Amino acid sequence: MKRWEYVRIQTDAHKIKSIDDTVDQLGRDGWELAGVIYTQSFVHMWFKRQMR
């Protein structure tokens, strides 16, 4: 059975561009974007990757 680990990052909606480097690094580390919730104030992003 596959086991997954998850991480959530959050930022102010008007500062979304400021986390580009963080999101790029997560991708290089094997994390896959699994979900996004966007509100007027915040953006929440959940990433997952298979446990090593």
PDB file of N, CA and C in Angstrom:
ATOM      1  N   MET A   1       0.835  -1.169   0.000  1.00  0.00           N
ATOM      2  CA  MET A   1       0.000   0.000   0.000  1.00  0.00           C
ATOM      3  C   MET A   1       0.891   1.247   0.000  1.00  0.00           C
ATOM      4  N   LYS A   2       0.551   2.210  -0.854  1.00  0.00           N
ATOM      5  CA  LYS A   2       1.289   3.465  -0.890  1.00  0.00           C
ATOM      6  C   LYS A   2       0.956   4.294   0.338  1.00  0.00           C
ATOM      7  N   ARG A   3       1.977   4.941   0.863  1.00  0.00           N
ATOM      8  CA  ARG A   3       1.781   5.865   1.982  1.00  0.00           C
ATOM      9  C   ARG A   3       2.204   7.248   1.516  1.00  0.00           C
ATOM     10  N   TRP A   4       1.431   8.241   1.894  1.00  0.00           N
ATOM     11  CA  TRP A   4       1.663   9.603   1.433  1.00  0.00           C
ATOM     12  C   TRP A   4       1.962  10.520   2.601  1.00  0.00           C
ATOM     13  N   GLU A   5       2.732  11.543   2.340  1.00  0.00           N
ATOM     14  CA  GLU A   5       2.899  12.617   3.296  1.00  0.00           C
ATOM     15  C   GLU A   5       2.396  13.893   2.623  1.00  0.00           C
ATOM     16  N   TYR A   6       1.956  14.828   3.437  1.00  0.00           N
ATOM     17  CA  TYR A   6       1.318  16.041   2.932  1.00  0.00           C
ATOM     18  C   TYR A   6       1.921  17.274   3.579  1.00  0.00           C
ATOM     19  N   VAL A   7       1.877  18.363   2.844  1.00  0.00           N
ATOM     20  CA  VAL A   7       2.292  19.661   3.378  1.00  0.00           C
ATOM     21  C   VAL A   7       1.333  20.718   2.825  1.00  0.00           C
ATOM     22  N   ARG A   8       1.036  21.714   3.669  1.00  0.00           N
ATOM     23  CA  ARG A   8       0.183  22.820   3.229  1.00  0.00           C
ATOM     24  C   ARG A   8       0.964  24.104   3.374  1.00  0.00           C
ATOM     25  N   ILE A   9       0.885  24.937   2.335  1.00  0.00           N
ATOM     26  CA  ILE A   9       1.443  26.278   2.455  1.00  0.00           C
ATOM     27  C   ILE A   9       0.310  27.269   2.239  1.00  0.00           C
ATOM     28  N   GLN A  10       0.465  28.414   2.855  1.00  0.00           N
ATOM     29  CA  GLN A  10      -0.569  29.448   2.786  1.00  0.00           C
ATOM     30  C   GLN A  10       0.110  30.790   2.571  1.00  0.00           C
ATOM     31  N   THR A  11      -0.524  31.657   1.801  1.00  0.00           N
ATOM     32  CA  THR A  11      -0.003  32.998   1.613  1.00  0.00           C
ATOM     33  C   THR A  11      -1.164  33.961   1.444  1.00  0.00           C
ATOM     34  N   ASP A  12      -0.896  35.229   1.657  1.00  0.00           N
ATOM     35  CA  ASP A  12      -1.897  36.252   1.357  1.00  0.00           C
ATOM     36  C   ASP A  12      -2.158  36.234  -0.142  1.00  0.00           C
ATOM     37  N   ALA A  13      -3.399  36.365  -0.531  1.00  0.00           N
ATOM     38  CA  ALA A  13      -3.771  36.282  -1.950  1.00  0.00           C
ATOM     39  C   ALA A  13      -3.023  37.320  -2.785  1.00  0.00           C
ATOM     40  N   HIS A  14      -2.809  38.494  -2.266  1.00  0.00           N
ATOM     41  CA  HIS A  14      -2.134  39.539  -3.048  1.00  0.00           C
ATOM     42  C   HIS A  14      -0.610  39.380  -3.050  1.00  0.00           C
ATOM     43  N   LYS A  15      -0.088  38.364  -2.345  1.00  0.00           N
ATOM     44  CA  LYS A  15       1.357  38.109  -2.316  1.00  0.00           C
ATOM     45  C   LYS A  15       1.706  36.754  -2.933  1.00  0.00           C
ATOM     46  N   ILE A  16       0.809  36.204  -3.735  1.00  0.00           N
ATOM     47  CA  ILE A  16       0.993  34.849  -4.276  1.00  0.00           C
ATOM     48  C   ILE A  16       2.317  34.714  -5.042  1.00  0.00           C
ATOM     49  N   LYS A  17       2.717  35.741  -5.738  1.00  0.00           N
ATOM     50  CA  LYS A  17       3.949  35.680  -6.525  1.00  0.00           C
ATOM     51  C   LYS A  17       5.182  35.486  -5.635  1.00  0.00           C
ATOM     52  N   SER A  18       5.092  35.881  -4.382  1.00  0.00           N
ATOM     53  CA  SER A  18       6.247  35.807  -3.491  1.00  0.00           C
ATOM     54  C   SER A  18       6.628  34.381  -3.096  1.00  0.00           C
ATOM     55  N   ILE A  19       5.773  33.397  -3.362  1.00  0.00           N
ATOM     56  CA  ILE A  19       6.093  32.017  -2.982  1.00  0.00           C
ATOM     57  C   ILE A  19       6.518  31.149  -4.169  1.00  0.00           C
ATOM     58  N   ASP A  20       6.753  31.783  -5.322  1.00  0.00           N
ATOM     59  CA  ASP A  20       7.168  31.014  -6.500  1.00  0.00           C
ATOM     60  C   ASP A  20       8.392  30.135  -6.219  1.00  0.00           C
ATOM     61  N   ASP A  21       9.394  30.679  -5.561  1.00  0.00           N
ATOM     62  CA  ASP A  21      10.610  29.893  -5.284  1.00  0.00           C
ATOM     63  C   ASP A  21      10.301  28.713  -4.373  1.00  0.00           C
ATOM     64  N   THR A  22       9.423  28.906  -3.405  1.00  0.00           N
ATOM     65  CA  THR A  22       9.038  27.829  -2.496  1.00  0.00           C
ATOM     66  C   THR A  22       8.335  26.707  -3.254  1.00  0.00           C
ATOM     67  N   VAL A  23       7.405  27.083  -4.123  1.00  0.00           N
ATOM     68  CA  VAL A  23       6.664  26.087  -4.909  1.00  0.00           C
ATOM     69  C   VAL A  23       7.609  25.356  -5.860  1.00  0.00           C
ATOM     70  N   ASP A  24       8.525  26.082  -6.483  1.00  0.00           N
ATOM     71  CA  ASP A  24       9.519  25.440  -7.364  1.00  0.00           C
ATOM     72  C   ASP A  24      10.347  24.420  -6.597  1.00  0.00           C
ATOM     73  N   GLN A  25      10.776  24.777  -5.396  1.00  0.00           N
ATOM     74  CA  GLN A  25      11.593  23.858  -4.592  1.00  0.00           C
ATOM     75  C   GLN A  25      10.794  22.622  -4.191  1.00  0.00           C
ATOM     76  N   LEU A  26       9.544  22.802  -3.826  1.00  0.00           N
ATOM     77  CA  LEU A  26       8.702  21.644  -3.496  1.00  0.00           C
ATOM     78  C   LEU A  26       8.627  20.679  -4.680  1.00  0.00           C
ATOM     79  N   GLY A  27       8.446  21.208  -5.876  1.00  0.00           N
ATOM     80  CA  GLY A  27       8.415  20.361  -7.073  1.00  0.00           C
ATOM     81  C   GLY A  27       9.719  19.610  -7.275  1.00  0.00           C
ATOM     82  N   ARG A  28      10.833  20.291  -7.103  1.00  0.00           N
ATOM     83  CA  ARG A  28      12.146  19.625  -7.248  1.00  0.00           C
ATOM     84  C   ARG A  28      12.335  18.543  -6.193  1.00  0.00           C
ATOM     85  N   ASP A  29      11.710  18.711  -5.038  1.00  0.00           N
ATOM     86  CA  ASP A  29      11.821  17.735  -3.961  1.00  0.00           C
ATOM     87  C   ASP A  29      10.803  16.599  -4.068  1.00  0.00           C
ATOM     88  N   GLY A  30      10.039  16.570  -5.163  1.00  0.00           N
ATOM     89  CA  GLY A  30       9.121  15.457  -5.401  1.00  0.00           C
ATOM     90  C   GLY A  30       7.689  15.683  -4.948  1.00  0.00           C
ATOM     91  N   TRP A  31       7.371  16.890  -4.477  1.00  0.00           N
ATOM     92  CA  TRP A  31       6.010  17.186  -4.044  1.00  0.00           C
ATOM     93  C   TRP A  31       5.139  17.506  -5.251  1.00  0.00           C
ATOM     94  N   GLU A  32       3.899  17.054  -5.221  1.00  0.00           N
ATOM     95  CA  GLU A  32       2.930  17.276  -6.289  1.00  0.00           C
ATOM     96  C   GLU A  32       1.766  18.091  -5.725  1.00  0.00           C
ATOM     97  N   LEU A  33       1.373  19.127  -6.451  1.00  0.00           N
ATOM     98  CA  LEU A  33       0.234  19.937  -6.022  1.00  0.00           C
ATOM     99  C   LEU A  33      -1.024  19.083  -6.068  1.00  0.00           C
ATOM    100  N   ALA A  34      -1.702  18.982  -4.932  1.00  0.00           N
ATOM    101  CA  ALA A  34      -2.884  18.121  -4.832  1.00  0.00           C
ATOM    102  C   ALA A  34      -4.177  18.910  -4.702  1.00  0.00           C
ATOM    103  N   GLY A  35      -4.101  20.158  -4.254  1.00  0.00           N
ATOM    104  CA  GLY A  35      -5.320  20.937  -4.102  1.00  0.00           C
ATOM    105  C   GLY A  35      -5.028  22.388  -3.788  1.00  0.00           C
ATOM    106  N   VAL A  36      -5.966  23.254  -4.174  1.00  0.00           N
ATOM    107  CA  VAL A  36      -5.834  24.688  -3.944  1.00  0.00           C
ATOM    108  C   VAL A  36      -7.184  25.232  -3.505  1.00  0.00           C
ATOM    109  N   ILE A  37      -7.162  26.084  -2.498  1.00  0.00           N
ATOM    110  CA  ILE A  37      -8.348  26.851  -2.121  1.00  0.00           C
ATOM    111  C   ILE A  37      -7.950  28.315  -2.143  1.00  0.00           C
ATOM    112  N   TYR A  38      -8.703  29.094  -2.877  1.00  0.00           N
ATOM    113  CA  TYR A  38      -8.441  30.522  -3.009  1.00  0.00           C
ATOM    114  C   TYR A  38      -9.609  31.277  -2.402  1.00  0.00           C
ATOM    115  N   THR A  39      -9.337  32.168  -1.455  1.00  0.00           N
ATOM    116  CA  THR A  39     -10.364  33.026  -0.882  1.00  0.00           C
ATOM    117  C   THR A  39      -9.993  34.474  -1.201  1.00  0.00           C
ATOM    118  N   GLN A  40     -10.782  35.391  -0.733  1.00  0.00           N
ATOM    119  CA  GLN A  40     -10.454  36.800  -0.970  1.00  0.00           C
ATOM    120  C   GLN A  40      -9.151  37.190  -0.304  1.00  0.00           C
ATOM    121  N   SER A  41      -8.833  36.537   0.787  1.00  0.00           N
ATOM    122  CA  SER A  41      -7.662  36.934   1.569  1.00  0.00           C
ATOM    123  C   SER A  41      -6.460  36.009   1.432  1.00  0.00           C
ATOM    124  N   PHE A  42      -6.690  34.713   1.231  1.00  0.00           N
ATOM    125  CA  PHE A  42      -5.601  33.741   1.280  1.00  0.00           C
ATOM    126  C   PHE A  42      -5.661  32.737   0.140  1.00  0.00           C
ATOM    127  N   VAL A  43      -4.495  32.155  -0.126  1.00  0.00           N
ATOM    128  CA  VAL A  43      -4.384  31.000  -1.011  1.00  0.00           C
ATOM    129  C   VAL A  43      -3.772  29.882  -0.178  1.00  0.00           C
ATOM    130  N   HIS A  44      -4.434  28.735  -0.139  1.00  0.00           N
ATOM    131  CA  HIS A  44      -3.952  27.546   0.565  1.00  0.00           C
ATOM    132  C   HIS A  44      -3.632  26.498  -0.500  1.00  0.00           C
ATOM    133  N   MET A  45      -2.469  25.904  -0.413  1.00  0.00           N
ATOM    134  CA  MET A  45      -2.064  24.873  -1.365  1.00  0.00           C
ATOM    135  C   MET A  45      -1.611  23.639  -0.601  1.00  0.00           C
ATOM    136  N   TRP A  46      -2.129  22.492  -1.002  1.00  0.00           N
ATOM    137  CA  TRP A  46      -1.737  21.211  -0.408  1.00  0.00           C
ATOM    138  C   TRP A  46      -0.913  20.450  -1.426  1.00  0.00           C
ATOM    139  N   PHE A  47       0.192  19.904  -0.948  1.00  0.00           N
ATOM    140  CA  PHE A  47       1.082  19.100  -1.762  1.00  0.00           C
ATOM    141  C   PHE A  47       1.199  17.724  -1.141  1.00  0.00           C
ATOM    142  N   LYS A  48       1.449  16.721  -2.003  1.00  0.00           N
ATOM    143  CA  LYS A  48       1.648  15.364  -1.497  1.00  0.00           C
ATOM    144  C   LYS A  48       2.815  14.726  -2.216  1.00  0.00           C
ATOM    145  N   ARG A  49       3.416  13.757  -1.546  1.00  0.00           N
ATOM    146  CA  ARG A  49       4.424  12.908  -2.178  1.00  0.00           C
ATOM    147  C   ARG A  49       4.428  11.573  -1.469  1.00  0.00           C
ATOM    148  N   GLN A  50       4.849  10.563  -2.194  1.00  0.00           N
ATOM    149  CA  GLN A  50       4.910   9.229  -1.620  1.00  0.00           C
ATOM    150  C   GLN A  50       6.014   9.197  -0.573  1.00  0.00           C
ATOM    151  N   MET A  51       5.706   8.576   0.571  1.00  0.00           N
ATOM    152  CA  MET A  51       6.698   8.471   1.636  1.00  0.00           C
ATOM    153  C   MET A  51       7.875   7.645   1.176  1.00  0.00           C
ATOM    154  N   ARG A  52       9.029   8.020   1.601  1.00  0.00           N
ATOM    155  CA  ARG A  52      10.267   7.349   1.191  1.00  0.00           C
ATOM    156  C   ARG A  52      10.692   6.326   2.211  1.00  0.00           C
TER     157      ARG A  52
END
